[in-house]
Every structure is written in structure tokens, then in C-alpha cells.
């Protein structure tokens, strides 16, 4: 699967918008997460939801993000990675 850099830029802008923030909050409000859960976010993009999920599972849980885009910016990975 091939993604263009323009799509990646657009996705980052959308994720940072108030609608993107509200969407992530709605997802978090509807999940039942326990501190020791193992979670995978397939199609995680830049990892914005991963950061919220990581805060919910604490240090006993594990979270993994997978995205097919080579342009995906995983700079946020350093903040939430515990493995």
C-alpha cells in the first residue's frame, strides 16, 4: 500500500483539529480499559490515540501501534513506549 506525503500532512492536520480531538475523546469515553490491558491500534497514524490509551493502561499494560504508511511520524512513540 502506498501513501503520499500530502495525505500524511492532511491526516496530521485533521488529528490536531478540534474535530480530531473530539473524536479521540469519544473513543476513549466508550472504551472500558483496565490497567493491565494489552491494546493494539491498527492504522494508528501519528499515534495521537496511542498516547491517550497508554495513559489509561498504566505501567502494567502494553500498547502497540501499527500503521502501513512509511510516512507515519512515530516521534510520539518515545513518549509512550515501555518495552
PDB file of N, CA and C in Angstrom:
ATOM      1  N   UNK A   1       0.847  -1.170   0.000  1.00  0.00           N
ATOM      2  CA  UNK A   1       0.000   0.000   0.000  1.00  0.00           C
ATOM      3  C   UNK A   1       0.893   1.233   0.000  1.00  0.00           C
ATOM      4  N   UNK A   2       0.568   2.174  -0.829  1.00  0.00           N
ATOM      5  CA  UNK A   2       1.399   3.368  -0.945  1.00  0.00           C
ATOM      6  C   UNK A   2       0.609   4.602  -0.508  1.00  0.00           C
ATOM      7  N   UNK A   3       1.234   5.425   0.292  1.00  0.00           N
ATOM      8  CA  UNK A   3       0.611   6.650   0.774  1.00  0.00           C
ATOM      9  C   UNK A   3       1.473   7.828   0.347  1.00  0.00           C
ATOM     10  N   UNK A   4       0.836   8.939   0.027  1.00  0.00           N
ATOM     11  CA  UNK A   4       1.616  10.120  -0.336  1.00  0.00           C
ATOM     12  C   UNK A   4       1.873  10.963   0.904  1.00  0.00           C
ATOM     13  N   UNK A   5       2.917  11.757   0.843  1.00  0.00           N
ATOM     14  CA  UNK A   5       3.251  12.639   1.961  1.00  0.00           C
ATOM     15  C   UNK A   5       2.149  13.669   2.186  1.00  0.00           C
ATOM     16  N   UNK A   6       1.473  14.064   1.106  1.00  0.00           N
ATOM     17  CA  UNK A   6       0.373  15.025   1.238  1.00  0.00           C
ATOM     18  C   UNK A   6      -0.749  14.468   2.102  1.00  0.00           C
ATOM     19  N   UNK A   7      -1.046  13.184   1.953  1.00  0.00           N
ATOM     20  CA  UNK A   7      -2.087  12.558   2.768  1.00  0.00           C
ATOM     21  C   UNK A   7      -1.659  12.542   4.225  1.00  0.00           C
ATOM     22  N   UNK A   8      -0.400  12.238   4.483  1.00  0.00           N
ATOM     23  CA  UNK A   8       0.110  12.241   5.853  1.00  0.00           C
ATOM     24  C   UNK A   8      -0.007  13.608   6.495  1.00  0.00           C
ATOM     25  N   UNK A   9       0.317  14.645   5.739  1.00  0.00           N
ATOM     26  CA  UNK A   9       0.200  16.016   6.263  1.00  0.00           C
ATOM     27  C   UNK A   9      -1.255  16.349   6.570  1.00  0.00           C
ATOM     28  N   UNK A  10      -2.153  15.959   5.670  1.00  0.00           N
ATOM     29  CA  UNK A  10      -3.575  16.214   5.876  1.00  0.00           C
ATOM     30  C   UNK A  10      -4.087  15.473   7.112  1.00  0.00           C
ATOM     31  N   UNK A  11      -3.655  14.234   7.277  1.00  0.00           N
ATOM     32  CA  UNK A  11      -4.080  13.458   8.445  1.00  0.00           C
ATOM     33  C   UNK A  11      -3.584  14.096   9.745  1.00  0.00           C
ATOM     34  N   UNK A  12      -2.366  14.610   9.746  1.00  0.00           N
ATOM     35  CA  UNK A  12      -1.849  15.277  10.951  1.00  0.00           C
ATOM     36  C   UNK A  12      -2.650  16.535  11.270  1.00  0.00           C
ATOM     37  N   UNK A  13      -3.009  17.301  10.238  1.00  0.00           N
ATOM     38  CA  UNK A  13      -3.831  18.496  10.452  1.00  0.00           C
ATOM     39  C   UNK A  13      -5.206  18.128  11.005  1.00  0.00           C
ATOM     40  N   UNK A  14      -5.801  17.078  10.446  1.00  0.00           N
ATOM     41  CA  UNK A  14      -7.112  16.640  10.919  1.00  0.00           C
ATOM     42  C   UNK A  14      -7.033  16.141  12.358  1.00  0.00           C
ATOM     43  N   UNK A  15      -5.986  15.413  12.692  1.00  0.00           N
ATOM     44  CA  UNK A  15      -5.832  14.882  14.051  1.00  0.00           C
ATOM     45  C   UNK A  15      -5.673  16.001  15.068  1.00  0.00           C
ATOM     46  N   UNK A  16      -5.036  17.094  14.674  1.00  0.00           N
ATOM     47  CA  UNK A  16      -4.807  18.212  15.591  1.00  0.00           C
ATOM     48  C   UNK A  16      -6.012  19.149  15.691  1.00  0.00           C
ATOM     49  N   UNK A  17      -6.989  18.970  14.808  1.00  0.00           N
ATOM     50  CA  UNK A  17      -8.163  19.852  14.816  1.00  0.00           C
ATOM     51  C   UNK A  17      -9.080  19.536  15.991  1.00  0.00           C
ATOM     52  N   UNK A  18     -10.002  20.440  16.271  1.00  0.00           N
ATOM     53  CA  UNK A  18     -10.952  20.203  17.366  1.00  0.00           C
ATOM     54  C   UNK A  18     -11.806  18.969  17.090  1.00  0.00           C
ATOM     55  N   UNK A  19     -12.120  18.708  15.830  1.00  0.00           N
ATOM     56  CA  UNK A  19     -12.894  17.511  15.484  1.00  0.00           C
ATOM     57  C   UNK A  19     -12.085  16.243  15.755  1.00  0.00           C
ATOM     58  N   UNK A  20     -10.804  16.270  15.439  1.00  0.00           N
ATOM     59  CA  UNK A  20      -9.937  15.117  15.705  1.00  0.00           C
ATOM     60  C   UNK A  20      -9.791  14.852  17.192  1.00  0.00           C
ATOM     61  N   UNK A  21      -9.641  15.905  17.953  1.00  0.00           N
ATOM     62  CA  UNK A  21      -9.529  15.776  19.412  1.00  0.00           C
ATOM     63  C   UNK A  21     -10.834  15.234  19.987  1.00  0.00           C
ATOM     64  N   UNK A  22     -11.969  15.749  19.512  1.00  0.00           N
ATOM     65  CA  UNK A  22     -13.280  15.284  19.988  1.00  0.00           C
ATOM     66  C   UNK A  22     -13.504  13.819  19.627  1.00  0.00           C
ATOM     67  N   UNK A  23     -13.059  13.414  18.448  1.00  0.00           N
ATOM     68  CA  UNK A  23     -13.215  12.013  18.031  1.00  0.00           C
ATOM     69  C   UNK A  23     -12.424  11.088  18.940  1.00  0.00           C
ATOM     70  N   UNK A  24     -11.188  11.470  19.253  1.00  0.00           N
ATOM     71  CA  UNK A  24     -10.379  10.636  20.156  1.00  0.00           C
ATOM     72  C   UNK A  24     -11.003  10.569  21.545  1.00  0.00           C
ATOM     73  N   UNK A  25     -11.545  11.682  22.013  1.00  0.00           N
ATOM     74  CA  UNK A  25     -12.187  11.685  23.328  1.00  0.00           C
ATOM     75  C   UNK A  25     -13.427  10.796  23.327  1.00  0.00           C
ATOM     76  N   UNK A  26     -14.202  10.823  22.241  1.00  0.00           N
ATOM     77  CA  UNK A  26     -15.388   9.967  22.137  1.00  0.00           C
ATOM     78  C   UNK A  26     -14.988   8.493  22.157  1.00  0.00           C
ATOM     79  N   UNK A  27     -13.897   8.163  21.493  1.00  0.00           N
ATOM     80  CA  UNK A  27     -13.395   6.782  21.519  1.00  0.00           C
ATOM     81  C   UNK A  27     -13.028   6.397  22.940  1.00  0.00           C
ATOM     82  N   UNK A  28     -12.279   7.245  23.616  1.00  0.00           N
ATOM     83  CA  UNK A  28     -11.856   6.947  24.990  1.00  0.00           C
ATOM     84  C   UNK A  28     -13.058   6.821  25.928  1.00  0.00           C
ATOM     85  N   UNK A  29     -14.072   7.653  25.726  1.00  0.00           N
ATOM     86  CA  UNK A  29     -15.262   7.619  26.578  1.00  0.00           C
ATOM     87  C   UNK A  29     -16.049   6.321  26.423  1.00  0.00           C
ATOM     88  N   UNK A  30     -15.887   5.645  25.284  1.00  0.00           N
ATOM     89  CA  UNK A  30     -16.658   4.437  25.019  1.00  0.00           C
ATOM     90  C   UNK A  30     -15.873   3.145  25.205  1.00  0.00           C
ATOM     91  N   UNK A  31     -14.628   3.241  25.591  1.00  0.00           N
ATOM     92  CA  UNK A  31     -13.820   2.048  25.846  1.00  0.00           C
ATOM     93  C   UNK A  31     -13.799   1.739  27.336  1.00  0.00           C
ATOM     94  N   UNK A  32     -13.743   0.457  27.647  1.00  0.00           N
ATOM     95  CA  UNK A  32     -13.555   0.021  29.033  1.00  0.00           C
ATOM     96  C   UNK A  32     -12.134  -0.526  29.102  1.00  0.00           C
ATOM     97  N   UNK A  33     -11.239   0.241  29.707  1.00  0.00           N
ATOM     98  CA  UNK A  33      -9.821  -0.108  29.726  1.00  0.00           C
ATOM     99  C   UNK A  33      -9.394  -0.393  31.157  1.00  0.00           C
ATOM    100  N   UNK A  34      -8.705  -1.528  31.315  1.00  0.00           N
ATOM    101  CA  UNK A  34      -8.155  -1.883  32.626  1.00  0.00           C
ATOM    102  C   UNK A  34      -6.651  -1.625  32.613  1.00  0.00           C
ATOM    103  N   UNK A  35      -6.091  -1.449  33.781  1.00  0.00           N
ATOM    104  CA  UNK A  35      -4.683  -1.066  33.910  1.00  0.00           C
ATOM    105  C   UNK A  35      -3.722  -2.082  33.306  1.00  0.00           C
ATOM    106  N   UNK A  36      -4.104  -3.353  33.228  1.00  0.00           N
ATOM    107  CA  UNK A  36      -3.175  -4.361  32.700  1.00  0.00           C
ATOM    108  C   UNK A  36      -3.557  -4.825  31.292  1.00  0.00           C
ATOM    109  N   UNK A  37      -4.380  -4.084  30.588  1.00  0.00           N
ATOM    110  CA  UNK A  37      -4.806  -4.464  29.240  1.00  0.00           C
ATOM    111  C   UNK A  37      -3.654  -4.430  28.244  1.00  0.00           C
ATOM    112  N   UNK A  38      -3.828  -5.221  27.196  1.00  0.00           N
ATOM    113  CA  UNK A  38      -2.936  -5.189  26.034  1.00  0.00           C
ATOM    114  C   UNK A  38      -3.782  -4.684  24.872  1.00  0.00           C
ATOM    115  N   UNK A  39      -3.315  -3.620  24.231  1.00  0.00           N
ATOM    116  CA  UNK A  39      -4.101  -2.948  23.201  1.00  0.00           C
ATOM    117  C   UNK A  39      -3.253  -2.788  21.948  1.00  0.00           C
ATOM    118  N   UNK A  40      -3.881  -3.008  20.776  1.00  0.00           N
ATOM    119  CA  UNK A  40      -3.224  -2.704  19.508  1.00  0.00           C
ATOM    120  C   UNK A  40      -4.120  -1.740  18.734  1.00  0.00           C
ATOM    121  N   UNK A  41      -3.520  -0.688  18.240  1.00  0.00           N
ATOM    122  CA  UNK A  41      -4.224   0.299  17.426  1.00  0.00           C
ATOM    123  C   UNK A  41      -3.733   0.116  15.998  1.00  0.00           C
ATOM    124  N   UNK A  42      -4.570  -0.502  15.171  1.00  0.00           N
ATOM    125  CA  UNK A  42      -4.204  -0.753  13.775  1.00  0.00           C
ATOM    126  C   UNK A  42      -4.657   0.443  12.946  1.00  0.00           C
ATOM    127  N   UNK A  43      -3.713   1.019  12.222  1.00  0.00           N
ATOM    128  CA  UNK A  43      -3.986   2.248  11.486  1.00  0.00           C
ATOM    129  C   UNK A  43      -3.840   3.450  12.400  1.00  0.00           C
ATOM    130  N   UNK A  44      -2.808   3.417  13.236  1.00  0.00           N
ATOM    131  CA  UNK A  44      -2.650   4.414  14.306  1.00  0.00           C
ATOM    132  C   UNK A  44      -2.166   5.774  13.819  1.00  0.00           C
ATOM    133  N   UNK A  45      -1.752   5.872  12.560  1.00  0.00           N
ATOM    134  CA  UNK A  45      -1.285   7.164  12.056  1.00  0.00           C
ATOM    135  C   UNK A  45      -0.127   7.686  12.878  1.00  0.00           C
ATOM    136  N   UNK A  46      -0.214   8.926  13.297  1.00  0.00           N
ATOM    137  CA  UNK A  46       0.847   9.554  14.082  1.00  0.00           C
ATOM    138  C   UNK A  46       0.856   9.175  15.553  1.00  0.00           C
ATOM    139  N   UNK A  47      -0.087   8.352  15.990  1.00  0.00           N
ATOM    140  CA  UNK A  47      -0.069   7.854  17.364  1.00  0.00           C
ATOM    141  C   UNK A  47      -0.786   8.720  18.383  1.00  0.00           C
ATOM    142  N   UNK A  48      -1.641   9.629  17.933  1.00  0.00           N
ATOM    143  CA  UNK A  48      -2.333  10.525  18.865  1.00  0.00           C
ATOM    144  C   UNK A  48      -3.207   9.755  19.853  1.00  0.00           C
ATOM    145  N   UNK A  49      -3.947   8.748  19.361  1.00  0.00           N
ATOM    146  CA  UNK A  49      -4.788   7.944  20.245  1.00  0.00           C
ATOM    147  C   UNK A  49      -3.932   7.044  21.131  1.00  0.00           C
ATOM    148  N   UNK A  50      -2.795   6.601  20.617  1.00  0.00           N
ATOM    149  CA  UNK A  50      -1.898   5.743  21.404  1.00  0.00           C
ATOM    150  C   UNK A  50      -1.495   6.404  22.715  1.00  0.00           C
ATOM    151  N   UNK A  51      -1.229   7.681  22.666  1.00  0.00           N
ATOM    152  CA  UNK A  51      -0.800   8.386  23.877  1.00  0.00           C
ATOM    153  C   UNK A  51      -1.901   8.372  24.938  1.00  0.00           C
ATOM    154  N   UNK A  52      -3.141   8.604  24.523  1.00  0.00           N
ATOM    155  CA  UNK A  52      -4.258   8.564  25.470  1.00  0.00           C
ATOM    156  C   UNK A  52      -4.456   7.155  26.019  1.00  0.00           C
ATOM    157  N   UNK A  53      -4.364   6.166  25.146  1.00  0.00           N
ATOM    158  CA  UNK A  53      -4.529   4.778  25.574  1.00  0.00           C
ATOM    159  C   UNK A  53      -3.439   4.382  26.562  1.00  0.00           C
ATOM    160  N   UNK A  54      -2.217   4.804  26.297  1.00  0.00           N
ATOM    161  CA  UNK A  54      -1.093   4.460  27.176  1.00  0.00           C
ATOM    162  C   UNK A  54      -1.292   5.028  28.576  1.00  0.00           C
ATOM    163  N   UNK A  55      -1.830   6.215  28.665  1.00  0.00           N
ATOM    164  CA  UNK A  55      -2.094   6.808  29.980  1.00  0.00           C
ATOM    165  C   UNK A  55      -3.149   6.008  30.742  1.00  0.00           C
ATOM    166  N   UNK A  56      -4.072   5.388  30.018  1.00  0.00           N
ATOM    167  CA  UNK A  56      -5.152   4.631  30.651  1.00  0.00           C
ATOM    168  C   UNK A  56      -4.717   3.272  31.171  1.00  0.00           C
ATOM    169  N   UNK A  57      -3.720   2.659  30.544  1.00  0.00           N
ATOM    170  CA  UNK A  57      -3.347   1.300  30.949  1.00  0.00           C
ATOM    171  C   UNK A  57      -2.244   1.273  31.987  1.00  0.00           C
ATOM    172  N   UNK A  58      -1.606   2.393  32.238  1.00  0.00           N
ATOM    173  CA  UNK A  58      -0.567   2.430  33.263  1.00  0.00           C
ATOM    174  C   UNK A  58       0.667   1.629  32.878  1.00  0.00           C
ATOM    175  N   UNK A  59       1.463   1.274  33.863  1.00  0.00           N
ATOM    176  CA  UNK A  59       2.741   0.602  33.597  1.00  0.00           C
ATOM    177  C   UNK A  59       2.611  -0.905  33.456  1.00  0.00           C
ATOM    178  N   UNK A  60       1.487  -1.488  33.857  1.00  0.00           N
ATOM    179  CA  UNK A  60       1.315  -2.941  33.751  1.00  0.00           C
ATOM    180  C   UNK A  60       0.800  -3.371  32.388  1.00  0.00           C
ATOM    181  N   UNK A  61       0.129  -2.493  31.687  1.00  0.00           N
ATOM    182  CA  UNK A  61      -0.426  -2.823  30.387  1.00  0.00           C
ATOM    183  C   UNK A  61       0.586  -2.623  29.270  1.00  0.00           C
ATOM    184  N   UNK A  62       0.184  -3.027  28.079  1.00  0.00           N
ATOM    185  CA  UNK A  62       1.027  -2.853  26.890  1.00  0.00           C
ATOM    186  C   UNK A  62       0.175  -2.282  25.772  1.00  0.00           C
ATOM    187  N   UNK A  63       0.768  -1.420  24.987  1.00  0.00           N
ATOM    188  CA  UNK A  63       0.069  -0.845  23.850  1.00  0.00           C
ATOM    189  C   UNK A  63       0.985  -0.857  22.640  1.00  0.00           C
ATOM    190  N   UNK A  64       0.401  -1.198  21.503  1.00  0.00           N
ATOM    191  CA  UNK A  64       1.156  -1.298  20.260  1.00  0.00           C
ATOM    192  C   UNK A  64       0.411  -0.533  19.176  1.00  0.00           C
ATOM    193  N   UNK A  65       1.142   0.141  18.328  1.00  0.00           N
ATOM    194  CA  UNK A  65       0.558   0.853  17.204  1.00  0.00           C
ATOM    195  C   UNK A  65       1.115   0.309  15.906  1.00  0.00           C
ATOM    196  N   UNK A  66       0.250   0.146  14.925  1.00  0.00           N
ATOM    197  CA  UNK A  66       0.651  -0.377  13.625  1.00  0.00           C
ATOM    198  C   UNK A  66       0.018   0.493  12.551  1.00  0.00           C
ATOM    199  N   UNK A  67       0.840   0.959  11.620  1.00  0.00           N
ATOM    200  CA  UNK A  67       0.324   1.764  10.526  1.00  0.00           C
ATOM    201  C   UNK A  67       1.100   1.420   9.262  1.00  0.00           C
ATOM    202  N   UNK A  68       0.402   1.221   8.135  1.00  0.00           N
ATOM    203  CA  UNK A  68       1.084   0.811   6.907  1.00  0.00           C
ATOM    204  C   UNK A  68       1.839   1.928   6.195  1.00  0.00           C
ATOM    205  N   UNK A  69       1.650   3.160   6.598  1.00  0.00           N
ATOM    206  CA  UNK A  69       2.263   4.284   5.909  1.00  0.00           C
ATOM    207  C   UNK A  69       3.729   4.439   6.283  1.00  0.00           C
ATOM    208  N   UNK A  70       4.578   4.527   5.284  1.00  0.00           N
ATOM    209  CA  UNK A  70       6.006   4.761   5.538  1.00  0.00           C
ATOM    210  C   UNK A  70       6.238   6.175   6.058  1.00  0.00           C
ATOM    211  N   UNK A  71       5.327   7.084   5.748  1.00  0.00           N
ATOM    212  CA  UNK A  71       5.475   8.473   6.165  1.00  0.00           C
ATOM    213  C   UNK A  71       4.981   8.718   7.586  1.00  0.00           C
ATOM    214  N   UNK A  72       4.434   7.693   8.221  1.00  0.00           N
ATOM    215  CA  UNK A  72       3.905   7.874   9.569  1.00  0.00           C
ATOM    216  C   UNK A  72       4.994   8.378  10.492  1.00  0.00           C
ATOM    217  N   UNK A  73       4.666   9.405  11.239  1.00  0.00           N
ATOM    218  CA  UNK A  73       5.612  10.006  12.176  1.00  0.00           C
ATOM    219  C   UNK A  73       5.441   9.347  13.539  1.00  0.00           C
ATOM    220  N   UNK A  74       6.419   8.549  13.941  1.00  0.00           N
ATOM    221  CA  UNK A  74       6.346   7.868  15.224  1.00  0.00           C
ATOM    222  C   UNK A  74       7.197   8.564  16.277  1.00  0.00           C
ATOM    223  N   UNK A  75       7.366   9.868  16.154  1.00  0.00           N
ATOM    224  CA  UNK A  75       8.142  10.577  17.168  1.00  0.00           C
ATOM    225  C   UNK A  75       7.462  10.488  18.532  1.00  0.00           C
ATOM    226  N   UNK A  76       6.138  10.340  18.545  1.00  0.00           N
ATOM    227  CA  UNK A  76       5.408  10.181  19.800  1.00  0.00           C
ATOM    228  C   UNK A  76       5.650   8.844  20.464  1.00  0.00           C
ATOM    229  N   UNK A  77       6.210   7.908  19.719  1.00  0.00           N
ATOM    230  CA  UNK A  77       6.466   6.569  20.238  1.00  0.00           C
ATOM    231  C   UNK A  77       7.386   6.611  21.450  1.00  0.00           C
ATOM    232  N   UNK A  78       8.324   7.506  21.450  1.00  0.00           N
ATOM    233  CA  UNK A  78       9.283   7.605  22.550  1.00  0.00           C
ATOM    234  C   UNK A  78       8.569   7.936  23.855  1.00  0.00           C
ATOM    235  N   UNK A  79       7.536   8.748  23.789  1.00  0.00           N
ATOM    236  CA  UNK A  79       6.824   9.163  24.993  1.00  0.00           C
ATOM    237  C   UNK A  79       6.030   8.031  25.631  1.00  0.00           C
ATOM    238  N   UNK A  80       5.505   7.097  24.822  1.00  0.00           N
ATOM    239  CA  UNK A  80       4.613   6.086  25.370  1.00  0.00           C
ATOM    240  C   UNK A  80       5.212   4.686  25.396  1.00  0.00           C
ATOM    241  N   UNK A  81       6.335   4.489  24.790  1.00  0.00           N
ATOM    242  CA  UNK A  81       6.921   3.156  24.716  1.00  0.00           C
ATOM    243  C   UNK A  81       7.508   2.738  26.056  1.00  0.00           C
ATOM    244  N   UNK A  82       7.205   1.498  26.456  1.00  0.00           N
ATOM    245  CA  UNK A  82       7.719   0.983  27.721  1.00  0.00           C
ATOM    246  C   UNK A  82       8.475  -0.321  27.553  1.00  0.00           C
ATOM    247  N   UNK A  83       8.419  -0.930  26.379  1.00  0.00           N
ATOM    248  CA  UNK A  83       9.110  -2.215  26.143  1.00  0.00           C
ATOM    249  C   UNK A  83      10.593  -2.009  25.976  1.00  0.00           C
TER     250      UNK A  83
END
